[in-house]
């Protein structure tokens, strides 16, 4: 059977794992295997567009079964980098000036030249829901980035995100099963 072809195992009927402690534990335990799988994907995938469509389909299936509002872990753990457009949109939404917004909510990000929220969880997270959802930062709109193309070029961050996001974890595990990775 060609590498990447469906195995007889039911990769699409795997149990969803949503417990954040279990996801973090399994991600740490599987870290080396995840990097090995990443290397195999890089080596074996000839059709990146096909891989993208497979990831999109897996993500859609899982997104229909896991409600982000039961988790909010990304908003609780990540330094959310905001763009100038995000700042402008959010300051208007909360009724402050841009300078007031920056002073109240933002600090210099440790790992970039940008700005991020001063506190974790995100100050706009209320009961696992963003109270500025319509005006949320672009990075929040795109997370967990599984519906984007060029998945193969983002696998480092996918592995990192496995320990935080149930969507990413379950897509990655199904992808490993789909490609008969042990």
C-alpha atoms as a PDB file:
ATOM      1  CA  UNK A   1       0.000   0.000   0.000  1.00  0.00           C
ATOM      2  CA  UNK A   2       1.487   3.395  -0.919  1.00  0.00           C
ATOM      3  CA  UNK A   3       2.599   5.583   1.934  1.00  0.00           C
ATOM      4  CA  UNK A   4      -0.285   7.833   2.874  1.00  0.00           C
ATOM      5  CA  UNK A   5      -3.012   5.548   1.555  1.00  0.00           C
ATOM      6  CA  UNK A   6      -5.822   4.669   3.912  1.00  0.00           C
ATOM      7  CA  UNK A   7      -5.085   1.728   6.090  1.00  0.00           C
ATOM      8  CA  UNK A   8      -7.671  -0.845   7.091  1.00  0.00           C
ATOM      9  CA  UNK A   9      -7.643   0.722  10.547  1.00  0.00           C
ATOM     10  CA  UNK A  10     -10.406   3.260  11.017  1.00  0.00           C
ATOM     11  CA  UNK A  11      -8.339   6.439  11.257  1.00  0.00           C
ATOM     12  CA  UNK A  12     -11.496   8.495  10.842  1.00  0.00           C
ATOM     13  CA  UNK A  13     -13.275   6.784  13.755  1.00  0.00           C
ATOM     14  CA  UNK A  14     -10.626   7.465  16.357  1.00  0.00           C
ATOM     15  CA  UNK A  15     -11.901   8.688  19.692  1.00  0.00           C
ATOM     16  CA  UNK A  16     -11.668  12.448  20.072  1.00  0.00           C
ATOM     17  CA  UNK A  17      -9.509  13.530  22.980  1.00  0.00           C
ATOM     18  CA  UNK A  18     -10.566  16.832  24.494  1.00  0.00           C
ATOM     19  CA  UNK A  19      -9.197  16.667  28.034  1.00  0.00           C
ATOM     20  CA  UNK A  20      -6.470  19.321  28.093  1.00  0.00           C
ATOM     21  CA  UNK A  21      -4.334  17.513  30.677  1.00  0.00           C
ATOM     22  CA  UNK A  22      -4.417  14.321  28.636  1.00  0.00           C
ATOM     23  CA  UNK A  23      -3.628  16.240  25.439  1.00  0.00           C
ATOM     24  CA  UNK A  24      -0.637  17.942  27.092  1.00  0.00           C
ATOM     25  CA  UNK A  25       0.598  14.620  28.511  1.00  0.00           C
ATOM     26  CA  UNK A  26       0.226  12.741  25.228  1.00  0.00           C
ATOM     27  CA  UNK A  27       1.801  15.573  23.235  1.00  0.00           C
ATOM     28  CA  UNK A  28       4.836  15.562  25.499  1.00  0.00           C
ATOM     29  CA  UNK A  29       5.071  11.770  25.437  1.00  0.00           C
ATOM     30  CA  UNK A  30       4.756  11.719  21.629  1.00  0.00           C
ATOM     31  CA  UNK A  31       7.030  14.691  20.940  1.00  0.00           C
ATOM     32  CA  UNK A  32       9.846  12.657  19.357  1.00  0.00           C
ATOM     33  CA  UNK A  33       7.379  10.579  17.335  1.00  0.00           C
ATOM     34  CA  UNK A  34       5.674  13.783  16.189  1.00  0.00           C
ATOM     35  CA  UNK A  35       8.973  15.143  14.885  1.00  0.00           C
ATOM     36  CA  UNK A  36       9.692  11.793  13.216  1.00  0.00           C
ATOM     37  CA  UNK A  37       6.275  11.934  11.534  1.00  0.00           C
ATOM     38  CA  UNK A  38       6.939  15.513  10.443  1.00  0.00           C
ATOM     39  CA  UNK A  39      10.196  14.373   8.793  1.00  0.00           C
ATOM     40  CA  UNK A  40       8.385  11.534   7.014  1.00  0.00           C
ATOM     41  CA  UNK A  41       5.717  13.915   5.756  1.00  0.00           C
ATOM     42  CA  UNK A  42       8.385  16.277   4.431  1.00  0.00           C
ATOM     43  CA  UNK A  43      10.129  13.402   2.697  1.00  0.00           C
ATOM     44  CA  UNK A  44       7.133  11.468   1.398  1.00  0.00           C
ATOM     45  CA  UNK A  45       4.453  13.995   0.418  1.00  0.00           C
ATOM     46  CA  UNK A  46       4.592  14.722  -3.286  1.00  0.00           C
ATOM     47  CA  UNK A  47       1.305  16.580  -3.603  1.00  0.00           C
ATOM     48  CA  UNK A  48       1.113  19.360  -1.028  1.00  0.00           C
ATOM     49  CA  UNK A  49      -2.288  20.494  -2.310  1.00  0.00           C
ATOM     50  CA  UNK A  50      -3.658  17.011  -1.641  1.00  0.00           C
ATOM     51  CA  UNK A  51      -2.210  17.062   1.872  1.00  0.00           C
ATOM     52  CA  UNK A  52      -3.776  20.490   2.448  1.00  0.00           C
ATOM     53  CA  UNK A  53      -7.175  19.189   1.351  1.00  0.00           C
ATOM     54  CA  UNK A  54      -6.822  16.155   3.648  1.00  0.00           C
ATOM     55  CA  UNK A  55      -5.932  18.395   6.608  1.00  0.00           C
ATOM     56  CA  UNK A  56      -8.839  20.729   5.771  1.00  0.00           C
ATOM     57  CA  UNK A  57     -11.248  17.785   5.694  1.00  0.00           C
ATOM     58  CA  UNK A  58      -9.953  16.405   9.001  1.00  0.00           C
ATOM     59  CA  UNK A  59     -10.176  19.844  10.573  1.00  0.00           C
ATOM     60  CA  UNK A  60     -13.734  20.353   9.351  1.00  0.00           C
ATOM     61  CA  UNK A  61     -14.767  16.977  10.734  1.00  0.00           C
ATOM     62  CA  UNK A  62     -13.219  17.719  14.123  1.00  0.00           C
ATOM     63  CA  UNK A  63     -14.364  21.361  14.240  1.00  0.00           C
ATOM     64  CA  UNK A  64     -17.925  20.090  13.901  1.00  0.00           C
ATOM     65  CA  UNK A  65     -17.429  17.948  17.024  1.00  0.00           C
ATOM     66  CA  UNK A  66     -15.362  20.205  19.322  1.00  0.00           C
ATOM     67  CA  UNK A  67     -16.725  23.566  20.384  1.00  0.00           C
ATOM     68  CA  UNK A  68     -13.963  26.076  21.141  1.00  0.00           C
ATOM     69  CA  UNK A  69     -16.235  27.661  23.728  1.00  0.00           C
ATOM     70  CA  UNK A  70     -15.741  24.622  25.943  1.00  0.00           C
ATOM     71  CA  UNK A  71     -11.986  25.209  25.968  1.00  0.00           C
ATOM     72  CA  UNK A  72     -10.513  28.654  25.305  1.00  0.00           C
ATOM     73  CA  UNK A  73      -7.050  27.262  26.022  1.00  0.00           C
ATOM     74  CA  UNK A  74      -5.437  29.260  23.212  1.00  0.00           C
ATOM     75  CA  UNK A  75      -6.725  32.490  24.794  1.00  0.00           C
ATOM     76  CA  UNK A  76      -5.477  31.325  28.179  1.00  0.00           C
ATOM     77  CA  UNK A  77      -1.955  30.287  27.215  1.00  0.00           C
ATOM     78  CA  UNK A  78      -0.654  32.143  24.146  1.00  0.00           C
ATOM     79  CA  UNK A  79       0.897  35.572  23.887  1.00  0.00           C
ATOM     80  CA  UNK A  80      -1.526  37.038  21.382  1.00  0.00           C
ATOM     81  CA  UNK A  81       0.352  39.367  19.044  1.00  0.00           C
ATOM     82  CA  UNK A  82      -1.826  42.207  17.792  1.00  0.00           C
ATOM     83  CA  UNK A  83      -1.366  44.248  14.636  1.00  0.00           C
ATOM     84  CA  UNK A  84      -1.996  47.962  14.242  1.00  0.00           C
ATOM     85  CA  UNK A  85      -5.285  47.123  12.513  1.00  0.00           C
ATOM     86  CA  UNK A  86      -6.264  44.879  15.446  1.00  0.00           C
ATOM     87  CA  UNK A  87      -5.456  47.655  17.916  1.00  0.00           C
ATOM     88  CA  UNK A  88      -7.465  50.190  15.963  1.00  0.00           C
ATOM     89  CA  UNK A  89     -10.468  47.865  15.668  1.00  0.00           C
ATOM     90  CA  UNK A  90     -10.364  46.767  19.326  1.00  0.00           C
ATOM     91  CA  UNK A  91      -9.837  50.261  20.749  1.00  0.00           C
ATOM     92  CA  UNK A  92     -12.871  51.456  18.835  1.00  0.00           C
ATOM     93  CA  UNK A  93     -14.917  48.460  20.020  1.00  0.00           C
ATOM     94  CA  UNK A  94     -14.103  49.070  23.696  1.00  0.00           C
ATOM     95  CA  UNK A  95     -14.532  52.836  23.374  1.00  0.00           C
ATOM     96  CA  UNK A  96     -10.993  54.049  24.035  1.00  0.00           C
ATOM     97  CA  UNK A  97      -8.315  55.821  22.078  1.00  0.00           C
ATOM     98  CA  UNK A  98      -5.531  53.789  20.580  1.00  0.00           C
ATOM     99  CA  UNK A  99      -3.070  55.139  23.157  1.00  0.00           C
ATOM    100  CA  UNK A 100      -5.434  54.344  26.034  1.00  0.00           C
ATOM    101  CA  UNK A 101      -5.944  50.853  24.656  1.00  0.00           C
ATOM    102  CA  UNK A 102      -2.204  50.258  24.361  1.00  0.00           C
ATOM    103  CA  UNK A 103      -1.569  51.519  27.902  1.00  0.00           C
ATOM    104  CA  UNK A 104      -4.376  49.489  29.424  1.00  0.00           C
ATOM    105  CA  UNK A 105      -4.052  46.190  27.555  1.00  0.00           C
ATOM    106  CA  UNK A 106      -0.738  45.807  25.743  1.00  0.00           C
ATOM    107  CA  UNK A 107       2.976  45.263  26.336  1.00  0.00           C
ATOM    108  CA  UNK A 108       5.993  44.562  24.140  1.00  0.00           C
ATOM    109  CA  UNK A 109       6.036  40.937  23.066  1.00  0.00           C
ATOM    110  CA  UNK A 110       9.019  38.962  24.302  1.00  0.00           C
ATOM    111  CA  UNK A 111       9.671  37.039  21.078  1.00  0.00           C
ATOM    112  CA  UNK A 112       8.847  39.661  18.456  1.00  0.00           C
ATOM    113  CA  UNK A 113       8.876  43.350  17.691  1.00  0.00           C
ATOM    114  CA  UNK A 114       5.109  43.482  18.133  1.00  0.00           C
ATOM    115  CA  UNK A 115       2.708  44.058  20.973  1.00  0.00           C
ATOM    116  CA  UNK A 116       0.743  41.461  22.889  1.00  0.00           C
ATOM    117  CA  UNK A 117      -1.779  41.499  25.705  1.00  0.00           C
ATOM    118  CA  UNK A 118      -0.310  42.209  29.144  1.00  0.00           C
ATOM    119  CA  UNK A 119      -2.138  39.376  30.856  1.00  0.00           C
ATOM    120  CA  UNK A 120      -3.111  35.779  30.309  1.00  0.00           C
ATOM    121  CA  UNK A 121      -5.749  34.776  29.759  1.00  0.00           C
ATOM    122  CA  UNK A 122      -6.652  37.362  27.167  1.00  0.00           C
ATOM    123  CA  UNK A 123      -8.501  40.199  28.911  1.00  0.00           C
ATOM    124  CA  UNK A 124     -11.432  39.747  26.539  1.00  0.00           C
ATOM    125  CA  UNK A 125     -11.983  36.079  27.374  1.00  0.00           C
ATOM    126  CA  UNK A 126     -15.120  35.679  29.476  1.00  0.00           C
ATOM    127  CA  UNK A 127     -16.428  32.168  30.253  1.00  0.00           C
ATOM    128  CA  UNK A 128     -14.318  30.758  27.384  1.00  0.00           C
ATOM    129  CA  UNK A 129     -15.870  33.185  24.900  1.00  0.00           C
ATOM    130  CA  UNK A 130     -14.304  36.322  23.435  1.00  0.00           C
ATOM    131  CA  UNK A 131     -16.421  39.294  24.404  1.00  0.00           C
ATOM    132  CA  UNK A 132     -14.924  41.161  21.429  1.00  0.00           C
ATOM    133  CA  UNK A 133     -15.449  38.274  19.003  1.00  0.00           C
ATOM    134  CA  UNK A 134     -16.427  40.411  15.998  1.00  0.00           C
ATOM    135  CA  UNK A 135     -13.358  42.610  16.524  1.00  0.00           C
ATOM    136  CA  UNK A 136     -10.863  39.972  17.714  1.00  0.00           C
ATOM    137  CA  UNK A 137      -7.261  40.032  16.456  1.00  0.00           C
ATOM    138  CA  UNK A 138      -6.507  38.498  13.076  1.00  0.00           C
ATOM    139  CA  UNK A 139      -4.345  35.762  14.619  1.00  0.00           C
ATOM    140  CA  UNK A 140      -7.358  34.714  16.707  1.00  0.00           C
ATOM    141  CA  UNK A 141      -9.564  34.645  13.614  1.00  0.00           C
ATOM    142  CA  UNK A 142      -7.119  32.317  11.864  1.00  0.00           C
ATOM    143  CA  UNK A 143      -6.300  30.010  14.771  1.00  0.00           C
ATOM    144  CA  UNK A 144      -5.677  27.059  14.753  1.00  0.00           C
ATOM    145  CA  UNK A 145      -4.472  27.665  11.180  1.00  0.00           C
ATOM    146  CA  UNK A 146      -5.613  24.241   9.970  1.00  0.00           C
ATOM    147  CA  UNK A 147      -7.819  25.664   7.245  1.00  0.00           C
ATOM    148  CA  UNK A 148      -4.876  27.416   5.567  1.00  0.00           C
ATOM    149  CA  UNK A 149      -2.850  26.012   2.700  1.00  0.00           C
ATOM    150  CA  UNK A 150       0.845  25.085   2.880  1.00  0.00           C
ATOM    151  CA  UNK A 151       0.354  22.877   5.937  1.00  0.00           C
ATOM    152  CA  UNK A 152       3.659  21.129   5.320  1.00  0.00           C
ATOM    153  CA  UNK A 153       5.569  24.363   5.853  1.00  0.00           C
ATOM    154  CA  UNK A 154       3.905  24.930   9.244  1.00  0.00           C
ATOM    155  CA  UNK A 155       4.418  21.544  10.870  1.00  0.00           C
ATOM    156  CA  UNK A 156       6.825  22.892  13.540  1.00  0.00           C
ATOM    157  CA  UNK A 157       4.081  25.119  14.914  1.00  0.00           C
ATOM    158  CA  UNK A 158       1.508  22.346  14.488  1.00  0.00           C
ATOM    159  CA  UNK A 159       3.554  20.120  16.791  1.00  0.00           C
ATOM    160  CA  UNK A 160       3.808  22.955  19.321  1.00  0.00           C
ATOM    161  CA  UNK A 161       0.071  23.619  19.077  1.00  0.00           C
ATOM    162  CA  UNK A 162      -0.738  19.931  19.647  1.00  0.00           C
ATOM    163  CA  UNK A 163      -0.221  20.368  23.375  1.00  0.00           C
ATOM    164  CA  UNK A 164      -2.592  23.340  23.583  1.00  0.00           C
ATOM    165  CA  UNK A 165      -5.438  22.858  21.124  1.00  0.00           C
ATOM    166  CA  UNK A 166      -7.772  19.842  20.950  1.00  0.00           C
ATOM    167  CA  UNK A 167      -8.433  20.569  17.267  1.00  0.00           C
ATOM    168  CA  UNK A 168      -4.741  20.492  16.361  1.00  0.00           C
ATOM    169  CA  UNK A 169      -4.010  17.473  18.533  1.00  0.00           C
ATOM    170  CA  UNK A 170      -6.830  15.397  17.032  1.00  0.00           C
ATOM    171  CA  UNK A 171      -6.097  16.418  13.429  1.00  0.00           C
ATOM    172  CA  UNK A 172      -2.406  15.553  13.869  1.00  0.00           C
ATOM    173  CA  UNK A 173      -3.162  12.181  15.466  1.00  0.00           C
ATOM    174  CA  UNK A 174      -5.629  11.301  12.696  1.00  0.00           C
ATOM    175  CA  UNK A 175      -3.115  12.375  10.088  1.00  0.00           C
ATOM    176  CA  UNK A 176      -0.509  10.066  11.639  1.00  0.00           C
ATOM    177  CA  UNK A 177      -3.012   7.204  11.580  1.00  0.00           C
ATOM    178  CA  UNK A 178      -4.099   8.035   8.024  1.00  0.00           C
ATOM    179  CA  UNK A 179      -0.487   7.818   6.886  1.00  0.00           C
ATOM    180  CA  UNK A 180       0.085   4.551   8.798  1.00  0.00           C
ATOM    181  CA  UNK A 181       2.639   6.165  11.055  1.00  0.00           C
ATOM    182  CA  UNK A 182       3.477   4.126  14.118  1.00  0.00           C
END
